Amino acid sequence: MKYVIIGGGVTGLSIANMLKNNHKVTVFEADNRPGGMIKCDVVEGNLFHRTGGHVFNTKRQDVMDWFLSFFDKEKQFTKAVRNSSVFMPDGQEIPYPIENHAYLLGKDLGALIVKDLVAIAKDKLQEPSNFEDFLKSRFGTTLYNIYFQPYNYKVWRRDLTKVPLTWLDGKLPMPSVEEMIFNNIYHVKEEAFVHSSFYYPVKNGSQFIADTLAKGIDIRYNTKIIAISLEKSSGSSVHWIVNGEQFDAVVFCGNIKQLPSLLRDVDISSYENEIERLEYHGTTSVFCEIDTNPYSWIYMPSPDHNSHRIICTGNFSPSNNTPGKMTGTIEFTDYISKEDIKENLKRIPLHPKYITHNYAKYTYPIQDKNTREMIKSLKDHIEGYNIYLCGRFAEWEYANMDICMGYAMDLTSKLLKK
C-alpha cells in the first residue's frame, strides 16, 4: 500500500520507520526539517530547544528497544539521573518532588503537613473530580497552598477545579501517604516517576533524534497540505488524493483542529463544533545564559514573575554550551512579548541573560470530560475510509516523545494486521 503521513514530528517519523519495510511511505512536512516540537536551533554556538527540553525515557520495553535500535547508545547518548529542584519564594531550594522533602520546610510547615497527611490517611475521601481536588486529597492543603496551587496556576492559567484529570497518567509522582512519611523520615530520593533518569544525545540534543529518525524516509519538506480528498474508483476500492498525489491510506499526525478544513468527501460535520472548542496552551521558550548550577529542571511557584520553570539544558550535555557558558530555557505559558520577557528575567533566579526566544501556539492540549470519547468516535468513523489519527495533537493527548512512539507502534501493529 501507499501511505501518506502528514507531519514529520516524532509520531510521523516513528510510524514512517515502522511501516516502510512493508509499504511505500511518503511524509509531508510543512517545515524545512523534521522534529515538530523537539526541534533545536544552534544560537551563538549554544543549543536551544525551541519548545521545552526534550529527553528520552520510557516505561515500555518495546518502545525502548525500538528507539535504541537506531543509535549507538554508549557513544551517542549519555544517561543522566534527574536532579530537579523547587525554588521557593523565600529563596529555599527544595529537592523535587517537594512532598519527599517536607522536613526541609521548617518545623511550623512540617507540623501542618503531617497533620494534613494524617487526616488524609484517616478520612475516606471521595474520588477527586478535578485537578485541585486531586492535589489536595493526595498531598494536603498545606503543600497545595505553598507549592502545587501557585505553580500549577502558572502552567494552566486557570482555576484548577476547571482542569480535568485525564492528562495526569504517568506525568507526576504518585506517592501514598505511607510513602511520603517514609521518604521524609529516611530521606529517600524518589526514582519511580517518569524521567527520573533519562537518555540524552551527546551532540545536537533532540534534533539529533529527529534527524536520525528521518534518514531513509521519503520526506517532502516545505509542503503544506491543501486538501485531503477521497477518490472513488471502480468497485469498492477508494484512494486519497493529497496535494495531487494518490495514496491508499492517510496517517494524520498534524493538529486535529486543521482536519475539518482539509478533509473532503468524508462527512465529519457532527464533530466540527467539538473540535473547534478544544482548548490548548502555547509556550514562550526563552533561551538564556544562566548561572552555573547542578540542576536539570527548576520549578518556580513564586508570584514575583510569570515563568513556571527553568530547563537547564546546558547541564544535559557539555556540547550544548560554548566554553565558559551555561545555558537554559525559561518557560512561560502562552505568548509573552520580548519587553515583558526581559522585565520578568530581572526577577527570576540564576541571573538569566536573554539570548533569544520562540513562541509556539500549540504545546499543551487541554481535555475535558468528553474529549477522549469524541476523539475515539471520530477515529472509528474515519478509519473505515483508511484515514488514521496518531500523535499528540491529532489525538489531543498530553503525550511525551516516548508516548508518541508508543502510539505509532500500536497503530502500526493494527495496520500491518490489516
Protein backbone atom coordinates (compact mmCIF):
# COMPACT_ATOMS: atom_id res chain seq x y z
CA MET A 1 0.00 0.00 0.00
CA LYS A 2 0.95 3.61 -0.45
CA TYR A 3 0.76 5.54 2.81
CA VAL A 4 0.96 9.29 3.19
CA ILE A 5 1.92 10.53 6.64
CA ILE A 6 1.05 14.13 7.36
CA GLY A 7 3.51 15.66 9.83
CA GLY A 8 7.22 14.97 10.33
CA GLY A 9 7.31 15.23 14.11
CA VAL A 10 8.15 12.36 16.45
CA THR A 11 4.94 10.45 15.73
CA GLY A 12 5.12 10.81 11.96
CA LEU A 13 8.80 9.85 11.80
CA SER A 14 8.19 6.85 14.05
CA ILE A 15 5.28 5.44 12.11
CA ALA A 16 7.09 6.04 8.81
CA ASN A 17 10.00 3.91 10.02
CA MET A 18 7.67 1.21 11.30
CA LEU A 19 5.74 0.95 8.03
CA LYS A 20 8.47 1.46 5.43
CA ASN A 21 9.64 -2.15 5.23
CA ASN A 22 6.16 -3.36 4.31
CA HIS A 23 4.65 -0.42 2.43
CA LYS A 24 5.55 2.63 0.37
CA VAL A 25 5.61 5.64 2.69
CA THR A 26 5.72 9.38 1.99
CA VAL A 27 5.83 12.07 4.69
CA PHE A 28 4.61 15.60 4.08
CA GLU A 29 6.18 18.16 6.44
CA ALA A 30 5.38 21.89 6.42
CA ASP A 31 8.75 22.94 7.87
CA ASN A 32 12.17 22.66 6.24
CA ARG A 33 13.38 19.99 8.70
CA PRO A 34 11.96 17.20 10.83
CA GLY A 35 11.16 17.17 14.53
CA GLY A 36 7.97 19.05 15.31
CA MET A 37 8.10 20.05 18.98
CA ILE A 38 11.58 18.55 19.51
CA LYS A 39 13.38 20.81 17.03
CA CYS A 40 16.51 22.62 18.23
CA ASP A 41 18.48 25.61 16.97
CA VAL A 42 22.14 26.46 17.44
CA VAL A 43 22.33 30.07 18.63
CA GLU A 44 25.72 31.69 19.18
CA GLY A 45 27.17 28.17 19.42
CA ASN A 46 24.69 27.06 22.10
CA LEU A 47 21.86 24.55 21.67
CA PHE A 48 18.34 25.98 22.05
CA HIS A 49 15.40 23.62 22.46
CA ARG A 50 12.72 25.67 20.74
CA THR A 51 9.85 24.14 22.71
CA GLY A 52 10.81 22.67 26.08
CA GLY A 53 13.79 20.45 26.78
CA HIS A 54 13.21 17.02 25.33
CA VAL A 55 14.85 13.92 26.78
CA PHE A 56 14.07 10.24 26.30
CA ASN A 57 12.95 7.54 28.64
CA THR A 58 10.03 5.15 28.70
CA LYS A 59 8.35 2.51 30.80
CA ARG A 60 7.57 0.45 27.68
CA GLN A 61 10.33 -2.01 26.89
CA ASP A 62 9.17 -2.42 23.28
CA VAL A 63 9.47 1.34 22.75
CA MET A 64 12.90 1.40 24.44
CA ASP A 65 14.19 -1.46 22.27
CA TRP A 66 12.85 0.12 19.09
CA PHE A 67 14.28 3.55 19.91
CA LEU A 68 17.76 2.28 20.80
CA SER A 69 17.91 0.21 17.60
CA PHE A 70 18.64 3.48 15.74
CA PHE A 71 21.61 4.54 17.86
CA ASP A 72 24.90 3.56 19.39
CA LYS A 73 23.72 4.05 22.96
CA GLU A 74 27.20 4.06 24.52
CA LYS A 75 28.74 6.57 22.08
CA GLN A 76 25.84 8.79 21.08
CA PHE A 77 23.93 9.16 24.36
CA THR A 78 24.54 9.98 27.98
CA LYS A 79 22.32 8.60 30.71
CA ALA A 80 21.54 11.08 33.46
CA VAL A 81 19.73 10.96 36.77
CA ARG A 82 17.22 13.76 37.05
CA ASN A 83 18.33 16.38 39.57
CA SER A 84 15.44 18.79 39.96
CA SER A 85 14.61 21.45 42.50
CA VAL A 86 11.76 23.65 43.65
CA PHE A 87 12.89 27.24 44.13
CA MET A 88 10.58 28.58 46.83
CA PRO A 89 9.64 32.28 47.02
CA ASP A 90 11.86 32.74 50.10
CA GLY A 91 14.91 31.50 48.20
CA GLN A 92 14.96 27.95 49.59
CA GLU A 93 15.95 25.25 47.13
CA ILE A 94 13.89 22.15 47.95
CA PRO A 95 14.66 18.95 46.04
CA TYR A 96 11.91 17.69 43.75
CA PRO A 97 9.44 16.20 44.43
CA ILE A 98 8.68 18.57 47.29
CA GLU A 99 6.47 16.09 49.18
CA ASN A 100 9.52 13.88 49.84
CA HIS A 101 11.42 16.78 51.40
CA ALA A 102 8.86 18.43 53.66
CA TYR A 103 11.36 18.09 56.51
CA LEU A 104 13.38 20.90 54.86
CA LEU A 105 10.49 23.37 55.06
CA GLY A 106 10.85 24.00 58.80
CA LYS A 107 9.00 22.75 61.87
CA ASP A 108 5.95 25.00 61.57
CA LEU A 109 5.11 23.99 57.99
CA GLY A 110 6.24 20.43 58.72
CA ALA A 111 3.71 20.14 61.57
CA LEU A 112 0.91 21.32 59.28
CA ILE A 113 1.94 18.89 56.54
CA VAL A 114 2.00 15.98 58.99
CA LYS A 115 -1.46 16.98 60.23
CA ASP A 116 -2.72 17.02 56.62
CA LEU A 117 -1.25 13.59 55.85
CA VAL A 118 -2.75 12.06 59.00
CA ALA A 119 -6.15 13.46 58.04
CA ILE A 120 -5.83 12.07 54.51
CA ALA A 121 -4.93 8.64 55.89
CA LYS A 122 -7.88 8.67 58.31
CA ASP A 123 -10.59 10.07 56.07
CA LYS A 124 -12.11 8.16 53.22
CA LEU A 125 -12.30 10.96 50.69
CA GLN A 126 -14.43 10.93 47.59
CA GLU A 127 -12.70 10.19 44.30
CA PRO A 128 -11.40 13.57 43.04
CA SER A 129 -13.20 15.02 40.05
CA ASN A 130 -10.75 17.76 39.12
CA PHE A 131 -7.07 18.69 39.46
CA GLU A 132 -7.49 20.81 42.59
CA ASP A 133 -9.36 18.05 44.41
CA PHE A 134 -6.71 15.56 43.36
CA LEU A 135 -3.81 17.67 44.64
CA LYS A 136 -5.47 18.41 47.98
CA SER A 137 -6.57 14.81 48.54
CA ARG A 138 -3.14 13.46 47.59
CA PHE A 139 -0.78 15.98 49.23
CA GLY A 140 -2.88 18.02 51.69
CA THR A 141 -3.87 21.68 51.82
CA THR A 142 -0.54 22.98 53.15
CA LEU A 143 1.57 21.68 50.27
CA TYR A 144 -1.24 22.67 47.91
CA ASN A 145 -1.20 26.27 49.15
CA ILE A 146 2.57 26.80 49.22
CA TYR A 147 3.53 24.94 46.04
CA PHE A 148 1.02 22.96 43.99
CA GLN A 149 -1.56 25.71 43.53
CA PRO A 150 0.76 28.64 42.68
CA TYR A 151 2.97 26.52 40.44
CA ASN A 152 0.16 24.83 38.52
CA TYR A 153 -1.80 28.06 38.16
CA LYS A 154 1.20 29.49 36.31
CA VAL A 155 1.18 26.48 33.99
CA TRP A 156 -2.58 26.21 33.37
CA ARG A 157 -3.62 29.87 33.78
CA ARG A 158 -6.99 28.88 35.17
CA ASP A 159 -8.88 27.77 38.25
CA LEU A 160 -7.53 24.27 38.94
CA THR A 161 -11.05 23.00 39.57
CA LYS A 162 -11.54 23.51 35.81
CA VAL A 163 -8.56 21.29 34.91
CA PRO A 164 -9.63 17.66 34.30
CA LEU A 165 -7.64 14.65 35.48
CA THR A 166 -7.25 12.85 32.15
CA TRP A 167 -3.81 14.37 31.46
CA LEU A 168 -2.28 13.10 34.72
CA ASP A 169 -1.50 9.49 33.88
CA GLY A 170 2.26 8.95 34.18
CA LYS A 171 3.04 12.66 34.49
CA LEU A 172 3.51 13.13 38.26
CA PRO A 173 4.96 11.15 41.14
CA MET A 174 2.02 9.40 42.85
CA PRO A 175 3.22 8.52 46.37
CA SER A 176 0.88 7.19 49.04
CA VAL A 177 0.70 8.81 52.48
CA GLU A 178 2.82 5.97 53.86
CA GLU A 179 5.46 6.51 51.17
CA MET A 180 5.62 10.27 51.79
CA ILE A 181 6.09 9.79 55.52
CA PHE A 182 8.68 7.05 54.99
CA ASN A 183 10.56 9.13 52.40
CA ASN A 184 10.72 12.12 54.75
CA ILE A 185 11.93 10.06 57.70
CA TYR A 186 14.63 8.24 55.76
CA HIS A 187 15.38 10.97 53.19
CA VAL A 188 14.57 8.71 50.26
CA LYS A 189 15.02 10.15 46.78
CA GLU A 190 12.04 9.46 44.52
CA GLU A 191 13.05 7.46 41.45
CA ALA A 192 9.76 5.97 40.30
CA PHE A 193 8.37 8.90 38.31
CA VAL A 194 8.72 9.44 34.56
CA HIS A 195 12.16 10.75 33.54
CA SER A 196 13.72 10.20 36.98
CA SER A 197 16.57 9.11 34.72
CA PHE A 198 16.82 9.74 31.00
CA TYR A 199 18.87 9.39 27.84
CA TYR A 200 20.13 12.48 26.07
CA PRO A 201 22.21 12.83 22.88
CA VAL A 202 25.85 13.78 23.31
CA LYS A 203 25.51 16.27 20.45
CA ASN A 204 22.64 18.31 18.95
CA GLY A 205 20.03 17.34 21.53
CA SER A 206 16.62 16.14 20.41
CA GLN A 207 17.24 17.48 16.89
CA PHE A 208 19.75 14.63 16.56
CA ILE A 209 16.96 12.18 17.38
CA ALA A 210 14.67 13.71 14.75
CA ASP A 211 17.40 13.84 12.10
CA THR A 212 18.32 10.21 12.73
CA LEU A 213 14.72 9.00 12.54
CA ALA A 214 14.30 10.96 9.28
CA LYS A 215 17.11 9.09 7.49
CA GLY A 216 15.91 6.82 4.72
CA ILE A 217 12.39 8.28 4.74
CA ASP A 218 10.80 9.97 1.71
CA ILE A 219 10.00 13.35 3.29
CA ARG A 220 8.61 16.26 1.30
CA TYR A 221 9.74 19.31 3.27
CA ASN A 222 8.22 22.79 2.95
CA THR A 223 4.97 21.13 1.94
CA LYS A 224 1.71 22.43 3.35
CA ILE A 225 -1.37 20.30 2.87
CA ILE A 226 -4.02 21.92 0.70
CA ALA A 227 -6.66 19.19 0.82
CA ILE A 228 -7.17 15.52 1.66
CA SER A 229 -9.65 14.33 -0.95
CA LEU A 230 -11.32 10.99 -1.44
CA GLU A 231 -11.27 9.46 -4.91
CA LYS A 232 -13.55 6.54 -5.57
CA SER A 233 -12.52 4.06 -8.23
CA SER A 234 -14.34 1.12 -9.75
CA GLY A 235 -15.66 -1.40 -7.29
CA SER A 236 -15.32 -0.81 -3.58
CA SER A 237 -11.74 0.50 -3.54
CA VAL A 238 -11.00 4.09 -2.62
CA HIS A 239 -7.93 6.29 -2.86
CA TRP A 240 -6.86 9.50 -1.24
CA ILE A 241 -5.55 12.47 -3.17
CA VAL A 242 -3.19 14.64 -1.12
CA ASN A 243 -1.57 17.58 -2.91
CA GLY A 244 -2.24 15.92 -6.26
CA GLU A 245 -0.73 12.53 -5.36
CA GLN A 246 -2.68 9.31 -4.93
CA PHE A 247 -2.41 7.19 -1.79
CA ASP A 248 -4.21 4.17 -0.38
CA ALA A 249 -4.24 5.41 3.22
CA VAL A 250 -3.57 8.55 5.24
CA VAL A 251 -2.00 8.79 8.69
CA PHE A 252 -2.71 12.27 10.01
CA CYS A 253 -0.13 13.34 12.63
CA GLY A 254 -0.90 17.03 12.44
CA ASN A 255 -3.22 19.18 14.52
CA ILE A 256 -6.80 17.89 14.60
CA LYS A 257 -8.06 21.48 14.53
CA GLN A 258 -6.88 21.64 10.90
CA LEU A 259 -8.74 18.49 9.86
CA PRO A 260 -12.22 19.94 9.13
CA SER A 261 -10.78 22.45 6.65
CA LEU A 262 -8.60 19.83 4.91
CA LEU A 263 -10.75 16.72 4.75
CA ARG A 264 -13.01 16.34 1.72
CA ASP A 265 -15.71 13.80 0.86
CA VAL A 266 -15.97 12.27 4.34
CA ASP A 267 -18.59 13.94 6.49
CA ILE A 268 -17.23 14.94 9.90
CA SER A 269 -19.56 17.92 10.34
CA SER A 270 -21.04 16.48 13.55
CA TYR A 271 -17.57 16.74 15.14
CA GLU A 272 -16.61 20.21 13.95
CA ASN A 273 -18.02 22.19 16.86
CA GLU A 274 -16.33 19.92 19.39
CA ILE A 275 -13.03 20.13 17.54
CA GLU A 276 -13.35 23.92 17.42
CA ARG A 277 -13.93 24.02 21.19
CA LEU A 278 -10.81 22.02 22.05
CA GLU A 279 -8.65 24.11 24.35
CA TYR A 280 -4.88 24.39 24.48
CA HIS A 281 -1.95 26.42 25.73
CA GLY A 282 1.10 27.68 23.93
CA THR A 283 4.59 28.22 25.31
CA THR A 284 7.11 31.02 25.07
CA SER A 285 10.55 29.44 25.46
CA VAL A 286 13.25 31.95 26.38
CA PHE A 287 16.85 30.91 25.81
CA CYS A 288 19.25 32.47 28.30
CA GLU A 289 22.71 32.34 29.72
CA ILE A 290 22.27 31.39 33.39
CA ASP A 291 24.42 30.87 36.47
CA THR A 292 26.21 27.56 36.81
CA ASN A 293 24.03 25.13 38.76
CA PRO A 294 23.66 21.37 39.32
CA TYR A 295 20.04 21.03 38.19
CA SER A 296 18.15 19.62 35.22
CA TRP A 297 14.73 21.18 35.93
CA ILE A 298 13.84 24.01 38.33
CA TYR A 299 10.20 24.61 39.33
CA MET A 300 9.20 28.10 40.45
CA PRO A 301 5.92 28.76 42.32
CA SER A 302 6.91 32.35 43.16
CA PRO A 303 4.30 35.03 42.31
CA ASP A 304 7.11 37.53 41.65
CA HIS A 305 7.31 36.58 37.96
CA ASN A 306 5.28 34.69 35.36
CA SER A 307 7.64 31.83 34.49
CA HIS A 308 6.95 28.40 35.97
CA ARG A 309 10.18 26.54 35.25
CA ILE A 310 13.76 26.65 34.04
CA ILE A 311 15.01 23.73 31.98
CA CYS A 312 18.78 23.65 32.47
CA THR A 313 19.52 22.12 29.07
CA GLY A 314 23.13 23.28 29.38
CA ASN A 315 23.55 20.55 32.00
CA PHE A 316 22.18 17.81 29.71
CA SER A 317 25.36 17.70 27.62
CA PRO A 318 28.58 19.78 27.67
CA SER A 319 28.25 20.30 23.92
CA ASN A 320 25.06 22.34 24.48
CA ASN A 321 27.16 25.30 25.69
CA THR A 322 30.03 27.29 24.32
CA PRO A 323 33.11 27.18 26.61
CA GLY A 324 32.63 29.12 29.82
CA LYS A 325 28.85 29.49 29.44
CA MET A 326 25.84 27.77 30.98
CA THR A 327 22.52 27.99 29.16
CA GLY A 328 18.93 27.09 29.88
CA THR A 329 15.39 27.61 28.68
CA ILE A 330 12.93 29.61 30.78
CA GLU A 331 9.30 28.76 30.05
CA PHE A 332 6.22 30.97 30.10
CA THR A 333 2.72 29.71 29.38
CA ASP A 334 1.24 31.27 26.23
CA TYR A 335 2.50 34.39 24.47
CA ILE A 336 4.64 36.97 26.23
CA SER A 337 6.27 39.93 24.49
CA LYS A 338 10.03 40.43 24.34
CA GLU A 339 9.65 43.54 26.50
CA ASP A 340 7.76 41.57 29.18
CA ILE A 341 10.23 38.71 28.93
CA LYS A 342 13.14 40.99 29.76
CA GLU A 343 11.20 42.59 32.63
CA ASN A 344 10.43 39.14 34.08
CA LEU A 345 14.03 37.96 33.75
CA LYS A 346 15.08 40.58 36.31
CA ARG A 347 13.07 38.70 38.95
CA ILE A 348 13.97 35.12 38.01
CA PRO A 349 16.72 33.15 39.81
CA LEU A 350 20.14 32.32 38.29
CA HIS A 351 20.60 35.82 36.78
CA PRO A 352 19.32 34.93 33.30
CA LYS A 353 20.67 36.92 30.35
CA TYR A 354 18.43 36.94 27.28
CA ILE A 355 19.74 35.31 24.09
CA THR A 356 16.59 34.60 22.02
CA HIS A 357 13.09 33.19 22.34
CA ASN A 358 10.45 31.22 20.47
CA TYR A 359 6.67 31.22 20.80
CA ALA A 360 4.75 28.06 19.88
CA LYS A 361 0.97 28.50 19.73
CA TYR A 362 0.15 24.83 20.36
CA THR A 363 2.10 22.95 23.01
CA TYR A 364 -0.31 21.67 25.67
CA PRO A 365 -3.65 20.16 24.62
CA ILE A 366 -6.33 20.53 27.29
CA GLN A 367 -9.00 17.86 27.55
CA ASP A 368 -12.44 17.99 29.10
CA LYS A 369 -14.53 15.04 30.24
CA ASN A 370 -15.79 14.40 26.69
CA THR A 371 -12.56 14.81 24.70
CA ARG A 372 -11.36 11.21 24.62
CA GLU A 373 -14.81 9.86 23.81
CA MET A 374 -15.19 12.36 20.97
CA ILE A 375 -11.75 11.56 19.51
CA LYS A 376 -12.43 7.81 19.70
CA SER A 377 -15.76 8.23 17.94
CA LEU A 378 -14.16 10.32 15.19
CA LYS A 379 -11.37 7.79 14.72
CA ASP A 380 -13.86 4.93 14.45
CA HIS A 381 -15.79 6.92 11.85
CA ILE A 382 -12.89 7.81 9.54
CA GLU A 383 -10.82 4.64 9.83
CA GLY A 384 -13.34 2.89 7.59
CA TYR A 385 -12.01 5.18 4.85
CA ASN A 386 -8.36 4.36 5.63
CA ILE A 387 -7.57 7.63 7.36
CA TYR A 388 -5.99 7.41 10.80
CA LEU A 389 -5.21 9.91 13.56
CA CYS A 390 -1.99 9.46 15.51
CA GLY A 391 0.03 11.75 17.79
CA ARG A 392 -0.11 14.42 20.47
CA PHE A 393 -2.29 16.94 18.64
CA ALA A 394 -4.01 14.54 16.26
CA GLU A 395 -5.41 12.68 19.30
CA TRP A 396 -5.32 15.72 21.63
CA GLU A 397 -3.28 13.96 24.30
CA TYR A 398 -0.61 15.37 26.63
CA ALA A 399 1.94 12.87 25.30
CA ASN A 400 5.73 12.95 25.64
CA MET A 401 8.15 11.70 22.99
CA ASP A 402 8.08 8.08 24.16
CA ILE A 403 4.29 8.03 24.41
CA CYS A 404 4.04 9.26 20.81
CA MET A 405 6.37 6.44 19.74
CA GLY A 406 4.09 4.05 21.59
CA TYR A 407 1.05 5.45 19.75
CA ALA A 408 2.89 4.90 16.45
CA MET A 409 3.82 1.36 17.43
CA ASP A 410 0.26 0.47 18.41
CA LEU A 411 -1.21 1.91 15.20
CA THR A 412 1.43 0.20 13.06
CA SER A 413 0.56 -3.15 14.63
CA LYS A 414 -3.08 -2.54 13.74
CA LEU A 415 -2.28 -1.52 10.16
CA LEU A 416 0.04 -4.44 9.48
CA LYS A 417 -2.63 -6.87 10.65
CA LYS A 418 -4.99 -5.39 8.06
